């Protein structure tokens, strides 16, 4: 990769590898029960939004990465992460617990990963997040926000790039009663089905209007 170029690879569910020439960051690694193959991947840092089996398989990531989790400003390996408190359900976290939204910057691009957000963002959370370039957002419903709420969050944050996650694919068994990505995509403009599991971005070439990139997990 050239300087300032960032690669984003989706492994399925909420697990991504966000990397430049110097740093590899993994988000919410899943275990084998989700249905996706556990990737042979190493990282410098792993973000964990909450301690559920499909989001916290840190042991499955090679390279002895540092784990970043919890609310507040975190510094790790020269990077600053902002953990913003949220809930995993619409009963104030009493059903599925708490969830952490993470924002961070890499090669000049500001990222936000919403984890298993369960409700619409409030004004305080939106303010704490600030201007977002790339948004990883759950869209499948049931365990998280659904396509409707996800659409409202995209409108509120107005990111340059939206990458949907945590939706049903053919690899997942019946234990995941969530919707596929097409429910979220319906009626949307600027949708690009990438046809592979990786995209590369630079700060200079980010789209002017919000663009949704749908990645394949393999």
N, C-alpha and C. Protein backbone atom coordinates (compact mmCIF):
# COMPACT_ATOMS: atom_id res chain seq x y z
N UNK A 1 0.83 -1.21 0.00
CA UNK A 1 0.00 0.00 0.00
C UNK A 1 0.86 1.25 0.00
N UNK A 2 0.40 2.27 -0.69
CA UNK A 2 1.13 3.53 -0.67
C UNK A 2 0.86 4.26 0.64
N UNK A 3 1.65 5.26 0.90
CA UNK A 3 1.48 6.03 2.13
C UNK A 3 0.08 6.62 2.19
N UNK A 4 -0.51 6.56 3.37
CA UNK A 4 -1.85 7.10 3.63
C UNK A 4 -2.97 6.26 3.04
N UNK A 5 -2.64 5.12 2.45
CA UNK A 5 -3.69 4.24 1.95
C UNK A 5 -4.10 3.25 3.03
N UNK A 6 -5.41 3.10 3.20
CA UNK A 6 -5.93 2.21 4.23
C UNK A 6 -6.67 1.06 3.58
N UNK A 7 -6.45 -0.14 4.08
CA UNK A 7 -7.18 -1.31 3.64
C UNK A 7 -8.21 -1.69 4.70
N UNK A 8 -9.43 -1.99 4.24
CA UNK A 8 -10.49 -2.48 5.13
C UNK A 8 -10.92 -3.84 4.62
N UNK A 9 -10.78 -4.85 5.46
CA UNK A 9 -11.19 -6.21 5.08
C UNK A 9 -12.26 -6.70 6.04
N UNK A 10 -13.34 -7.25 5.48
CA UNK A 10 -14.43 -7.80 6.28
C UNK A 10 -14.32 -9.30 6.32
N UNK A 11 -14.39 -9.87 7.54
CA UNK A 11 -14.35 -11.31 7.72
C UNK A 11 -15.74 -11.90 7.95
N UNK A 12 -16.74 -11.03 8.06
CA UNK A 12 -18.09 -11.44 8.40
C UNK A 12 -18.49 -10.86 9.74
N UNK A 13 -19.82 -10.78 9.96
CA UNK A 13 -20.39 -10.28 11.22
C UNK A 13 -19.88 -8.85 11.48
N UNK A 14 -19.22 -8.61 12.60
CA UNK A 14 -18.73 -7.26 12.92
C UNK A 14 -17.21 -7.19 12.93
N UNK A 15 -16.58 -8.19 12.35
CA UNK A 15 -15.12 -8.30 12.40
C UNK A 15 -14.48 -7.73 11.13
N UNK A 16 -13.66 -6.73 11.34
CA UNK A 16 -12.91 -6.09 10.25
C UNK A 16 -11.44 -6.01 10.61
N UNK A 17 -10.61 -5.97 9.58
CA UNK A 17 -9.20 -5.60 9.72
C UNK A 17 -9.03 -4.25 9.05
N UNK A 18 -8.66 -3.25 9.84
CA UNK A 18 -8.40 -1.90 9.32
C UNK A 18 -6.91 -1.67 9.45
N UNK A 19 -6.23 -1.46 8.33
CA UNK A 19 -4.77 -1.40 8.40
C UNK A 19 -4.18 -0.42 7.40
N UNK A 20 -3.01 0.12 7.78
CA UNK A 20 -2.16 0.83 6.84
C UNK A 20 -0.81 0.13 6.84
N UNK A 21 0.22 0.78 6.34
CA UNK A 21 1.53 0.12 6.26
C UNK A 21 2.13 -0.22 7.62
N UNK A 22 1.66 0.47 8.65
CA UNK A 22 2.32 0.34 9.96
C UNK A 22 1.48 -0.36 11.02
N UNK A 23 0.16 -0.31 10.90
CA UNK A 23 -0.69 -0.74 12.00
C UNK A 23 -1.85 -1.60 11.51
N UNK A 24 -2.14 -2.66 12.28
CA UNK A 24 -3.28 -3.53 11.99
C UNK A 24 -4.24 -3.51 13.18
N UNK A 25 -5.48 -3.13 12.91
CA UNK A 25 -6.50 -3.06 13.96
C UNK A 25 -7.64 -4.01 13.59
N UNK A 26 -7.97 -4.92 14.52
CA UNK A 26 -9.10 -5.83 14.34
C UNK A 26 -10.26 -5.35 15.22
N UNK A 27 -11.48 -5.45 14.68
CA UNK A 27 -12.67 -5.11 15.47
C UNK A 27 -13.50 -6.36 15.74
N UNK A 28 -13.98 -6.49 16.96
CA UNK A 28 -14.99 -7.49 17.36
C UNK A 28 -14.81 -8.87 16.72
N UNK A 29 -13.71 -9.57 17.05
CA UNK A 29 -13.49 -10.90 16.46
C UNK A 29 -14.50 -11.93 16.98
N UNK A 30 -15.05 -12.74 16.08
CA UNK A 30 -16.06 -13.73 16.45
C UNK A 30 -15.43 -15.10 16.71
N UNK A 31 -16.22 -15.98 17.35
CA UNK A 31 -15.75 -17.36 17.50
C UNK A 31 -16.45 -18.24 16.45
N UNK A 32 -16.15 -19.54 16.46
CA UNK A 32 -16.59 -20.43 15.38
C UNK A 32 -18.10 -20.66 15.37
N UNK A 33 -18.80 -20.37 16.47
CA UNK A 33 -20.23 -20.67 16.53
C UNK A 33 -21.07 -19.78 15.63
N UNK A 34 -20.51 -18.67 15.16
CA UNK A 34 -21.26 -17.77 14.28
C UNK A 34 -21.45 -18.41 12.90
N UNK A 35 -20.49 -19.22 12.48
CA UNK A 35 -20.58 -19.89 11.19
C UNK A 35 -19.48 -19.51 10.23
N UNK A 36 -18.92 -18.32 10.40
CA UNK A 36 -17.81 -17.90 9.54
C UNK A 36 -16.53 -18.61 9.96
N UNK A 37 -15.65 -18.77 9.00
CA UNK A 37 -14.34 -19.37 9.29
C UNK A 37 -13.49 -18.40 10.10
N UNK A 38 -12.84 -18.93 11.13
CA UNK A 38 -11.95 -18.09 11.92
C UNK A 38 -10.74 -17.74 11.05
N UNK A 39 -10.50 -16.46 10.79
CA UNK A 39 -9.41 -16.11 9.88
C UNK A 39 -8.04 -16.28 10.53
N UNK A 40 -7.07 -16.59 9.70
CA UNK A 40 -5.68 -16.66 10.14
C UNK A 40 -5.11 -15.26 9.99
N UNK A 41 -5.24 -14.47 11.04
CA UNK A 41 -4.88 -13.05 10.95
C UNK A 41 -4.19 -12.60 12.23
N UNK A 42 -3.24 -11.70 12.06
CA UNK A 42 -2.57 -11.10 13.22
C UNK A 42 -2.89 -9.62 13.26
N UNK A 43 -2.71 -9.02 14.43
CA UNK A 43 -3.01 -7.60 14.58
C UNK A 43 -2.17 -7.00 15.69
N UNK A 44 -2.09 -5.67 15.67
CA UNK A 44 -1.43 -4.94 16.75
C UNK A 44 -2.42 -4.61 17.86
N UNK A 45 -3.66 -4.35 17.44
CA UNK A 45 -4.70 -3.91 18.38
C UNK A 45 -6.01 -4.62 18.06
N UNK A 46 -6.77 -4.94 19.10
CA UNK A 46 -8.10 -5.51 18.92
C UNK A 46 -9.10 -4.68 19.72
N UNK A 47 -10.14 -4.21 19.04
CA UNK A 47 -11.22 -3.48 19.71
C UNK A 47 -12.34 -4.45 20.04
N UNK A 48 -12.83 -4.40 21.27
CA UNK A 48 -13.92 -5.27 21.72
C UNK A 48 -15.06 -4.39 22.24
N UNK A 49 -16.18 -4.40 21.52
CA UNK A 49 -17.29 -3.53 21.90
C UNK A 49 -18.04 -4.05 23.12
N UNK A 50 -18.06 -5.38 23.28
CA UNK A 50 -18.71 -5.99 24.44
C UNK A 50 -18.31 -7.46 24.49
N UNK A 51 -18.50 -8.05 25.67
CA UNK A 51 -17.99 -9.42 25.88
C UNK A 51 -19.05 -10.47 25.60
N UNK A 52 -19.43 -10.57 24.33
CA UNK A 52 -20.26 -11.67 23.86
C UNK A 52 -19.45 -12.52 22.90
N UNK A 53 -19.79 -13.81 22.80
CA UNK A 53 -18.97 -14.78 22.06
C UNK A 53 -18.71 -14.38 20.61
N UNK A 54 -19.66 -13.67 20.01
CA UNK A 54 -19.50 -13.34 18.60
C UNK A 54 -18.79 -12.01 18.38
N UNK A 55 -18.17 -11.49 19.46
CA UNK A 55 -17.49 -10.19 19.35
C UNK A 55 -16.17 -10.12 20.13
N UNK A 56 -15.82 -11.15 20.89
CA UNK A 56 -14.66 -11.00 21.78
C UNK A 56 -13.67 -12.16 21.73
N UNK A 57 -13.57 -12.82 20.57
CA UNK A 57 -12.63 -13.95 20.46
C UNK A 57 -11.21 -13.44 20.23
N UNK A 58 -10.69 -12.77 21.22
CA UNK A 58 -9.36 -12.16 21.13
C UNK A 58 -8.28 -13.23 20.94
N UNK A 59 -8.48 -14.40 21.56
CA UNK A 59 -7.49 -15.47 21.46
C UNK A 59 -7.36 -15.99 20.03
N UNK A 60 -8.35 -15.72 19.19
CA UNK A 60 -8.29 -16.16 17.81
C UNK A 60 -7.47 -15.26 16.90
N UNK A 61 -6.97 -14.15 17.46
CA UNK A 61 -6.17 -13.20 16.69
C UNK A 61 -4.70 -13.38 17.06
N UNK A 62 -3.86 -13.56 16.07
CA UNK A 62 -2.43 -13.79 16.32
C UNK A 62 -1.68 -12.47 16.51
N UNK A 63 -0.44 -12.57 16.97
CA UNK A 63 0.41 -11.40 17.10
C UNK A 63 0.41 -10.76 18.48
N UNK A 64 -0.26 -11.41 19.44
CA UNK A 64 -0.36 -10.88 20.81
C UNK A 64 -0.80 -9.41 20.81
N UNK A 65 -1.96 -9.12 20.22
CA UNK A 65 -2.41 -7.73 20.14
C UNK A 65 -2.84 -7.18 21.50
N UNK A 66 -2.73 -5.88 21.63
CA UNK A 66 -3.28 -5.21 22.81
C UNK A 66 -4.79 -5.07 22.62
N UNK A 67 -5.53 -5.30 23.70
CA UNK A 67 -6.99 -5.24 23.65
C UNK A 67 -7.47 -3.89 24.16
N UNK A 68 -8.34 -3.28 23.39
CA UNK A 68 -8.92 -1.99 23.77
C UNK A 68 -10.41 -2.20 24.00
N UNK A 69 -10.89 -1.88 25.18
CA UNK A 69 -12.31 -2.02 25.48
C UNK A 69 -12.71 -1.03 26.57
N UNK A 70 -14.00 -0.77 26.69
CA UNK A 70 -14.52 0.09 27.74
C UNK A 70 -14.65 1.55 27.34
N UNK A 71 -15.30 2.29 28.22
CA UNK A 71 -15.65 3.69 27.95
C UNK A 71 -14.49 4.62 28.29
N UNK A 72 -14.38 5.70 27.54
CA UNK A 72 -13.39 6.74 27.81
C UNK A 72 -12.29 6.78 26.78
N UNK A 73 -11.38 7.70 26.95
CA UNK A 73 -10.26 7.83 26.02
C UNK A 73 -9.18 6.82 26.37
N UNK A 74 -8.77 6.07 25.37
CA UNK A 74 -7.77 5.02 25.55
C UNK A 74 -6.57 5.31 24.66
N UNK A 75 -5.38 5.10 25.20
CA UNK A 75 -4.17 5.21 24.39
C UNK A 75 -3.49 3.85 24.35
N UNK A 76 -3.18 3.40 23.15
CA UNK A 76 -2.54 2.10 23.01
C UNK A 76 -1.69 2.10 21.75
N UNK A 77 -0.40 1.76 21.93
CA UNK A 77 0.54 1.69 20.81
C UNK A 77 0.55 2.97 19.97
N UNK A 78 0.46 4.09 20.65
CA UNK A 78 0.54 5.37 19.97
C UNK A 78 -0.76 5.87 19.37
N UNK A 79 -1.84 5.12 19.55
CA UNK A 79 -3.14 5.52 19.01
C UNK A 79 -4.09 5.91 20.13
N UNK A 80 -4.99 6.82 19.79
CA UNK A 80 -6.02 7.22 20.74
C UNK A 80 -7.37 6.71 20.26
N UNK A 81 -8.08 6.07 21.15
CA UNK A 81 -9.42 5.56 20.86
C UNK A 81 -10.39 6.20 21.84
N UNK A 82 -11.55 6.54 21.36
CA UNK A 82 -12.59 7.07 22.23
C UNK A 82 -13.69 6.04 22.35
N UNK A 83 -13.88 5.52 23.56
CA UNK A 83 -14.95 4.57 23.81
C UNK A 83 -16.17 5.28 24.35
N UNK A 84 -17.26 5.21 23.64
CA UNK A 84 -18.48 5.93 23.99
C UNK A 84 -19.53 4.92 24.46
N UNK A 85 -20.05 5.15 25.66
CA UNK A 85 -21.00 4.22 26.24
C UNK A 85 -22.32 4.19 25.49
N UNK A 86 -22.88 2.97 25.36
CA UNK A 86 -24.17 2.78 24.71
C UNK A 86 -24.76 1.49 25.26
N UNK A 87 -25.93 1.11 24.72
CA UNK A 87 -26.59 -0.11 25.22
C UNK A 87 -26.89 -1.06 24.07
N UNK A 88 -27.01 -2.34 24.43
CA UNK A 88 -27.16 -3.43 23.47
C UNK A 88 -28.64 -3.75 23.18
N UNK A 89 -29.56 -3.05 23.84
CA UNK A 89 -30.98 -3.33 23.65
C UNK A 89 -31.78 -2.06 23.95
N UNK A 90 -33.09 -2.13 23.71
CA UNK A 90 -33.93 -0.95 23.94
C UNK A 90 -34.55 -0.92 25.33
N UNK A 91 -33.96 -1.70 26.25
CA UNK A 91 -34.39 -1.70 27.66
C UNK A 91 -33.25 -1.21 28.55
N UNK A 92 -32.51 -0.24 28.04
CA UNK A 92 -31.39 0.38 28.76
C UNK A 92 -30.31 -0.62 29.17
N UNK A 93 -30.12 -1.63 28.37
CA UNK A 93 -29.06 -2.59 28.63
C UNK A 93 -29.41 -3.70 29.60
N UNK A 94 -30.66 -3.74 30.06
CA UNK A 94 -31.04 -4.75 31.05
C UNK A 94 -31.19 -6.14 30.44
N UNK A 95 -31.34 -6.22 29.11
CA UNK A 95 -31.52 -7.52 28.46
C UNK A 95 -30.19 -8.08 27.96
N UNK A 96 -29.42 -7.26 27.22
CA UNK A 96 -28.19 -7.75 26.62
C UNK A 96 -26.93 -7.01 27.10
N UNK A 97 -27.11 -6.07 27.99
CA UNK A 97 -25.95 -5.42 28.58
C UNK A 97 -25.52 -4.15 27.85
N UNK A 98 -24.33 -3.72 28.21
CA UNK A 98 -23.78 -2.47 27.66
C UNK A 98 -22.97 -2.75 26.39
N UNK A 99 -22.71 -1.68 25.66
CA UNK A 99 -21.97 -1.75 24.40
C UNK A 99 -21.10 -0.51 24.28
N UNK A 100 -19.93 -0.67 23.70
CA UNK A 100 -19.04 0.48 23.50
C UNK A 100 -18.91 0.80 22.02
N UNK A 101 -19.15 2.06 21.69
CA UNK A 101 -18.88 2.59 20.35
C UNK A 101 -17.44 3.08 20.35
N UNK A 102 -16.67 2.72 19.36
CA UNK A 102 -15.29 3.21 19.28
C UNK A 102 -15.10 4.14 18.09
N UNK A 103 -14.41 5.25 18.35
CA UNK A 103 -13.93 6.10 17.26
C UNK A 103 -12.41 6.19 17.35
N UNK A 104 -11.77 6.28 16.18
CA UNK A 104 -10.32 6.42 16.14
C UNK A 104 -9.92 6.96 14.77
N UNK A 105 -8.66 7.35 14.67
CA UNK A 105 -8.16 7.89 13.41
C UNK A 105 -6.94 7.10 12.96
N UNK A 106 -6.90 6.82 11.66
CA UNK A 106 -5.76 6.12 11.07
C UNK A 106 -5.49 6.75 9.71
N UNK A 107 -4.25 7.18 9.49
CA UNK A 107 -3.86 7.82 8.22
C UNK A 107 -4.81 8.94 7.82
N UNK A 108 -5.24 9.72 8.80
CA UNK A 108 -6.07 10.88 8.52
C UNK A 108 -7.54 10.59 8.33
N UNK A 109 -7.95 9.33 8.43
CA UNK A 109 -9.35 8.95 8.26
C UNK A 109 -9.96 8.62 9.62
N UNK A 110 -11.11 9.20 9.91
CA UNK A 110 -11.79 8.98 11.19
C UNK A 110 -12.81 7.85 11.05
N UNK A 111 -12.65 6.86 11.90
CA UNK A 111 -13.50 5.67 11.88
C UNK A 111 -14.43 5.64 13.09
N UNK A 112 -15.58 4.98 12.90
CA UNK A 112 -16.46 4.67 14.03
C UNK A 112 -17.03 3.27 13.83
N UNK A 113 -16.93 2.46 14.87
CA UNK A 113 -17.49 1.10 14.88
C UNK A 113 -18.54 1.06 15.98
N UNK A 114 -19.79 0.79 15.61
CA UNK A 114 -20.89 0.90 16.56
C UNK A 114 -21.11 -0.35 17.40
N UNK A 115 -20.32 -1.41 17.14
CA UNK A 115 -20.52 -2.63 17.92
C UNK A 115 -21.93 -3.16 17.76
N UNK A 116 -22.51 -3.64 18.86
CA UNK A 116 -23.89 -4.13 18.85
C UNK A 116 -24.84 -3.08 19.43
N UNK A 117 -24.82 -1.92 18.83
CA UNK A 117 -25.71 -0.85 19.29
C UNK A 117 -27.17 -1.30 19.18
N UNK A 118 -27.94 -1.02 20.25
CA UNK A 118 -29.32 -1.50 20.30
C UNK A 118 -30.39 -0.46 20.09
N UNK A 119 -30.02 0.81 20.15
CA UNK A 119 -31.00 1.90 20.03
C UNK A 119 -30.41 3.06 19.23
N UNK A 120 -31.27 4.00 18.87
CA UNK A 120 -30.84 5.21 18.20
C UNK A 120 -29.82 5.97 19.06
N UNK A 121 -28.84 6.56 18.42
CA UNK A 121 -27.89 7.40 19.14
C UNK A 121 -28.60 8.64 19.70
N UNK A 122 -28.18 9.08 20.87
CA UNK A 122 -28.72 10.34 21.38
C UNK A 122 -27.78 11.49 21.00
N UNK A 123 -28.21 12.71 21.29
CA UNK A 123 -27.45 13.90 20.88
C UNK A 123 -26.05 13.92 21.48
N UNK A 124 -25.93 13.46 22.73
CA UNK A 124 -24.63 13.47 23.40
C UNK A 124 -23.67 12.49 22.74
N UNK A 125 -24.16 11.32 22.38
CA UNK A 125 -23.30 10.34 21.70
C UNK A 125 -22.86 10.86 20.33
N UNK A 126 -23.78 11.47 19.62
CA UNK A 126 -23.46 12.02 18.29
C UNK A 126 -22.40 13.11 18.42
N UNK A 127 -22.54 13.93 19.44
CA UNK A 127 -21.57 15.01 19.67
C UNK A 127 -20.19 14.44 20.00
N UNK A 128 -20.15 13.41 20.83
CA UNK A 128 -18.88 12.79 21.21
C UNK A 128 -18.20 12.13 20.02
N UNK A 129 -18.98 11.61 19.11
CA UNK A 129 -18.42 10.95 17.93
C UNK A 129 -17.82 11.95 16.95
N UNK A 130 -18.46 13.10 16.80
CA UNK A 130 -17.93 14.13 15.91
C UNK A 130 -18.08 13.75 14.45
N UNK A 131 -17.23 14.32 13.62
CA UNK A 131 -17.28 14.06 12.18
C UNK A 131 -16.66 12.70 11.88
N UNK A 132 -17.41 11.85 11.21
CA UNK A 132 -16.97 10.48 10.91
C UNK A 132 -16.78 10.32 9.41
N UNK A 133 -15.65 9.75 9.03
CA UNK A 133 -15.41 9.43 7.62
C UNK A 133 -15.97 8.06 7.26
N UNK A 134 -15.65 7.06 8.06
CA UNK A 134 -16.04 5.67 7.78
C UNK A 134 -16.83 5.11 8.96
N UNK A 135 -18.06 4.67 8.68
CA UNK A 135 -18.94 4.16 9.73
C UNK A 135 -19.23 2.68 9.51
N UNK A 136 -18.88 1.85 10.50
CA UNK A 136 -19.26 0.44 10.52
C UNK A 136 -20.54 0.33 11.35
N UNK A 137 -21.63 -0.10 10.72
CA UNK A 137 -22.93 -0.03 11.39
C UNK A 137 -23.71 -1.34 11.28
N UNK A 138 -24.24 -1.84 12.43
CA UNK A 138 -25.08 -3.04 12.36
C UNK A 138 -26.44 -2.70 11.75
N UNK A 139 -26.95 -3.61 10.93
CA UNK A 139 -28.21 -3.33 10.22
C UNK A 139 -29.22 -4.47 10.31
N UNK A 140 -28.85 -5.59 10.93
CA UNK A 140 -29.67 -6.80 10.86
C UNK A 140 -30.86 -6.87 11.80
N UNK A 141 -30.89 -6.00 12.83
CA UNK A 141 -32.01 -6.05 13.76
C UNK A 141 -31.93 -7.19 14.75
N UNK A 142 -32.97 -7.35 15.53
CA UNK A 142 -33.16 -8.37 16.57
C UNK A 142 -32.17 -8.21 17.72
N UNK A 143 -30.89 -8.46 17.49
CA UNK A 143 -29.88 -8.27 18.54
C UNK A 143 -29.38 -6.82 18.57
N UNK A 144 -29.58 -6.11 17.49
CA UNK A 144 -29.04 -4.75 17.35
C UNK A 144 -30.11 -3.85 16.74
N UNK A 145 -29.72 -2.63 16.43
CA UNK A 145 -30.61 -1.75 15.67
C UNK A 145 -30.97 -2.42 14.34
N UNK A 146 -32.14 -2.07 13.83
CA UNK A 146 -32.55 -2.63 12.55
C UNK A 146 -32.24 -1.64 11.42
N UNK A 147 -32.66 -2.00 10.22
CA UNK A 147 -32.35 -1.19 9.04
C UNK A 147 -32.91 0.22 9.15
N UNK A 148 -34.09 0.34 9.73
CA UNK A 148 -34.74 1.65 9.90
C UNK A 148 -33.91 2.59 10.76
N UNK A 149 -33.53 2.10 11.94
CA UNK A 149 -32.75 2.92 12.88
C UNK A 149 -31.36 3.18 12.30
N UNK A 150 -30.79 2.17 11.66
CA UNK A 150 -29.48 2.35 11.03
C UNK A 150 -29.52 3.49 10.01
N UNK A 151 -30.59 3.55 9.24
CA UNK A 151 -30.74 4.61 8.25
C UNK A 151 -30.79 5.98 8.91
N UNK A 152 -31.48 6.07 10.03
CA UNK A 152 -31.57 7.34 10.77
C UNK A 152 -30.21 7.76 11.31
N UNK A 153 -29.43 6.78 11.77
CA UNK A 153 -28.10 7.09 12.29
C UNK A 153 -27.18 7.57 11.17
N UNK A 154 -27.27 6.95 10.02
CA UNK A 154 -26.47 7.40 8.87
C UNK A 154 -26.81 8.85 8.53
N UNK A 155 -28.09 9.17 8.55
CA UNK A 155 -28.52 10.56 8.27
C UNK A 155 -27.99 11.52 9.32
N UNK A 156 -27.99 11.09 10.57
CA UNK A 156 -27.55 11.97 11.66
C UNK A 156 -26.04 12.21 11.64
N UNK A 157 -25.27 11.18 11.29
CA UNK A 157 -23.81 11.29 11.31
C UNK A 157 -23.23 11.79 9.99
N UNK A 158 -23.93 11.50 8.90
CA UNK A 158 -23.50 11.92 7.56
C UNK A 158 -22.04 11.57 7.26
N UNK A 159 -21.69 10.29 7.43
CA UNK A 159 -20.30 9.89 7.13
C UNK A 159 -20.05 9.85 5.63
N UNK A 160 -18.79 9.81 5.26
CA UNK A 160 -18.43 9.67 3.84
C UNK A 160 -18.69 8.25 3.34
N UNK A 161 -18.36 7.29 4.18
CA UNK A 161 -18.45 5.87 3.81
C UNK A 161 -19.24 5.12 4.88
N UNK A 162 -20.17 4.29 4.44
CA UNK A 162 -20.92 3.42 5.34
C UNK A 162 -20.64 1.98 4.95
N UNK A 163 -20.26 1.17 5.93
CA UNK A 163 -20.05 -0.26 5.69
C UNK A 163 -20.98 -1.04 6.62
N UNK A 164 -22.06 -1.62 6.07
CA UNK A 164 -23.00 -2.37 6.92
C UNK A 164 -22.38 -3.67 7.42
N UNK A 165 -22.82 -4.09 8.61
CA UNK A 165 -22.30 -5.30 9.24
C UNK A 165 -23.41 -5.94 10.07
N UNK A 166 -23.10 -7.09 10.65
CA UNK A 166 -24.01 -7.77 11.58
C UNK A 166 -25.38 -8.00 10.94
N UNK A 167 -25.33 -8.60 9.75
CA UNK A 167 -26.57 -8.97 9.06
C UNK A 167 -26.46 -10.42 8.61
N UNK A 168 -27.59 -10.98 8.22
CA UNK A 168 -27.66 -12.40 7.88
C UNK A 168 -27.00 -12.67 6.52
N UNK A 169 -26.15 -13.68 6.48
CA UNK A 169 -25.62 -14.20 5.23
C UNK A 169 -25.90 -15.70 5.19
N UNK A 170 -25.65 -16.30 4.04
CA UNK A 170 -25.98 -17.72 3.87
C UNK A 170 -25.14 -18.63 4.75
N UNK A 171 -24.05 -18.12 5.30
CA UNK A 171 -23.16 -18.94 6.12
C UNK A 171 -23.70 -19.14 7.54
N UNK A 172 -24.60 -18.26 7.95
CA UNK A 172 -25.06 -18.26 9.34
C UNK A 172 -26.22 -19.21 9.55
N UNK A 173 -26.21 -19.88 10.69
CA UNK A 173 -27.25 -20.86 10.99
C UNK A 173 -28.54 -20.22 11.48
N UNK A 174 -29.55 -21.03 11.79
CA UNK A 174 -30.86 -20.54 12.22
C UNK A 174 -30.85 -19.85 13.57
N UNK A 175 -29.76 -19.97 14.32
CA UNK A 175 -29.68 -19.33 15.64
C UNK A 175 -29.51 -17.82 15.55
N UNK A 176 -29.35 -17.30 14.34
CA UNK A 176 -29.20 -15.85 14.17
C UNK A 176 -30.41 -15.31 13.40
N UNK A 177 -31.46 -14.93 14.13
CA UNK A 177 -32.70 -14.47 13.50
C UNK A 177 -32.62 -13.01 13.08
N UNK A 178 -31.65 -12.69 12.24
CA UNK A 178 -31.46 -11.30 11.83
C UNK A 178 -31.71 -11.17 10.33
N UNK A 179 -31.91 -9.94 9.89
CA UNK A 179 -32.22 -9.68 8.48
C UNK A 179 -30.96 -9.61 7.63
N UNK A 180 -31.14 -9.81 6.34
CA UNK A 180 -30.05 -9.62 5.40
C UNK A 180 -29.83 -8.15 5.10
N UNK A 181 -28.78 -7.85 4.36
CA UNK A 181 -28.39 -6.45 4.12
C UNK A 181 -29.35 -5.73 3.18
N UNK A 182 -30.08 -6.47 2.35
CA UNK A 182 -30.93 -5.83 1.35
C UNK A 182 -32.05 -4.98 1.96
N UNK A 183 -32.47 -5.33 3.16
CA UNK A 183 -33.50 -4.52 3.84
C UNK A 183 -32.97 -3.11 4.09
N UNK A 184 -31.71 -3.02 4.49
CA UNK A 184 -31.07 -1.72 4.72
C UNK A 184 -30.81 -0.97 3.42
N UNK A 185 -30.48 -1.71 2.38
CA UNK A 185 -30.10 -1.07 1.11
C UNK A 185 -31.30 -0.55 0.32
N UNK A 186 -32.48 -1.03 0.63
CA UNK A 186 -33.67 -0.68 -0.15
C UNK A 186 -33.89 0.83 -0.21
N UNK A 187 -33.97 1.35 -1.42
CA UNK A 187 -34.23 2.77 -1.61
C UNK A 187 -33.02 3.67 -1.43
N UNK A 188 -31.87 3.11 -1.12
CA UNK A 188 -30.68 3.93 -0.88
C UNK A 188 -29.99 4.30 -2.20
N UNK A 189 -29.39 5.47 -2.20
CA UNK A 189 -28.56 5.89 -3.32
C UNK A 189 -27.10 5.59 -3.00
N UNK A 190 -26.26 5.64 -4.01
CA UNK A 190 -24.82 5.49 -3.84
C UNK A 190 -24.44 4.21 -3.10
N UNK A 191 -24.97 3.10 -3.61
CA UNK A 191 -24.64 1.78 -3.07
C UNK A 191 -23.67 1.09 -4.02
N UNK A 192 -22.57 0.63 -3.48
CA UNK A 192 -21.59 -0.09 -4.30
C UNK A 192 -21.36 -1.47 -3.72
N UNK A 193 -21.78 -2.50 -4.44
CA UNK A 193 -21.50 -3.88 -4.04
C UNK A 193 -20.12 -4.24 -4.56
N UNK A 194 -19.19 -4.32 -3.65
CA UNK A 194 -17.77 -4.39 -4.00
C UNK A 194 -17.42 -5.71 -4.70
N UNK A 195 -18.07 -6.80 -4.31
CA UNK A 195 -17.80 -8.08 -4.94
C UNK A 195 -16.58 -8.80 -4.40
N UNK A 196 -16.00 -8.27 -3.34
CA UNK A 196 -14.86 -8.92 -2.67
C UNK A 196 -14.85 -8.48 -1.21
N UNK A 197 -13.87 -8.96 -0.44
CA UNK A 197 -13.90 -8.69 1.00
C UNK A 197 -13.07 -7.49 1.42
N UNK A 198 -12.45 -6.80 0.47
CA UNK A 198 -11.52 -5.73 0.82
C UNK A 198 -11.74 -4.49 -0.05
N UNK A 199 -11.63 -3.33 0.58
CA UNK A 199 -11.54 -2.07 -0.17
C UNK A 199 -10.35 -1.28 0.36
N UNK A 200 -9.83 -0.41 -0.47
CA UNK A 200 -8.77 0.50 -0.02
C UNK A 200 -9.28 1.93 -0.16
N UNK A 201 -8.89 2.75 0.81
CA UNK A 201 -9.33 4.14 0.85
C UNK A 201 -8.14 5.05 1.14
N UNK A 202 -8.24 6.28 0.70
CA UNK A 202 -7.33 7.33 1.15
C UNK A 202 -8.18 8.53 1.55
N UNK A 203 -7.63 9.35 2.40
CA UNK A 203 -8.35 10.56 2.84
C UNK A 203 -8.74 11.41 1.63
N UNK A 204 -7.83 11.52 0.67
CA UNK A 204 -8.04 12.40 -0.48
C UNK A 204 -9.12 11.90 -1.44
N UNK A 205 -9.36 10.60 -1.44
CA UNK A 205 -10.30 10.03 -2.41
C UNK A 205 -11.62 9.57 -1.78
N UNK A 206 -11.88 9.97 -0.55
CA UNK A 206 -13.17 9.64 0.06
C UNK A 206 -14.30 10.28 -0.75
N UNK A 207 -15.42 9.60 -0.91
CA UNK A 207 -16.52 10.17 -1.70
C UNK A 207 -17.10 11.43 -1.06
N UNK A 208 -17.58 12.35 -1.89
CA UNK A 208 -18.18 13.58 -1.37
C UNK A 208 -19.54 13.29 -0.73
N UNK A 209 -20.34 12.45 -1.39
CA UNK A 209 -21.64 12.07 -0.85
C UNK A 209 -21.54 10.71 -0.19
N UNK A 210 -22.30 10.54 0.89
CA UNK A 210 -22.29 9.27 1.61
C UNK A 210 -22.47 8.09 0.66
N UNK A 211 -21.52 7.16 0.69
CA UNK A 211 -21.55 5.98 -0.17
C UNK A 211 -21.52 4.73 0.70
N UNK A 212 -22.40 3.79 0.36
CA UNK A 212 -22.48 2.52 1.08
C UNK A 212 -21.69 1.46 0.31
N UNK A 213 -20.71 0.88 0.98
CA UNK A 213 -19.92 -0.19 0.37
C UNK A 213 -20.33 -1.51 1.02
N UNK A 214 -20.83 -2.43 0.21
CA UNK A 214 -21.21 -3.76 0.70
C UNK A 214 -20.10 -4.73 0.35
N UNK A 215 -19.46 -5.27 1.37
CA UNK A 215 -18.34 -6.19 1.17
C UNK A 215 -18.82 -7.64 1.22
N UNK A 216 -18.11 -8.53 0.56
CA UNK A 216 -18.30 -9.96 0.73
C UNK A 216 -17.37 -10.43 1.86
N UNK A 217 -17.77 -11.49 2.56
CA UNK A 217 -16.92 -11.95 3.66
C UNK A 217 -15.82 -12.88 3.22
N UNK A 218 -15.80 -13.28 1.93
CA UNK A 218 -14.77 -14.22 1.48
C UNK A 218 -14.15 -13.74 0.17
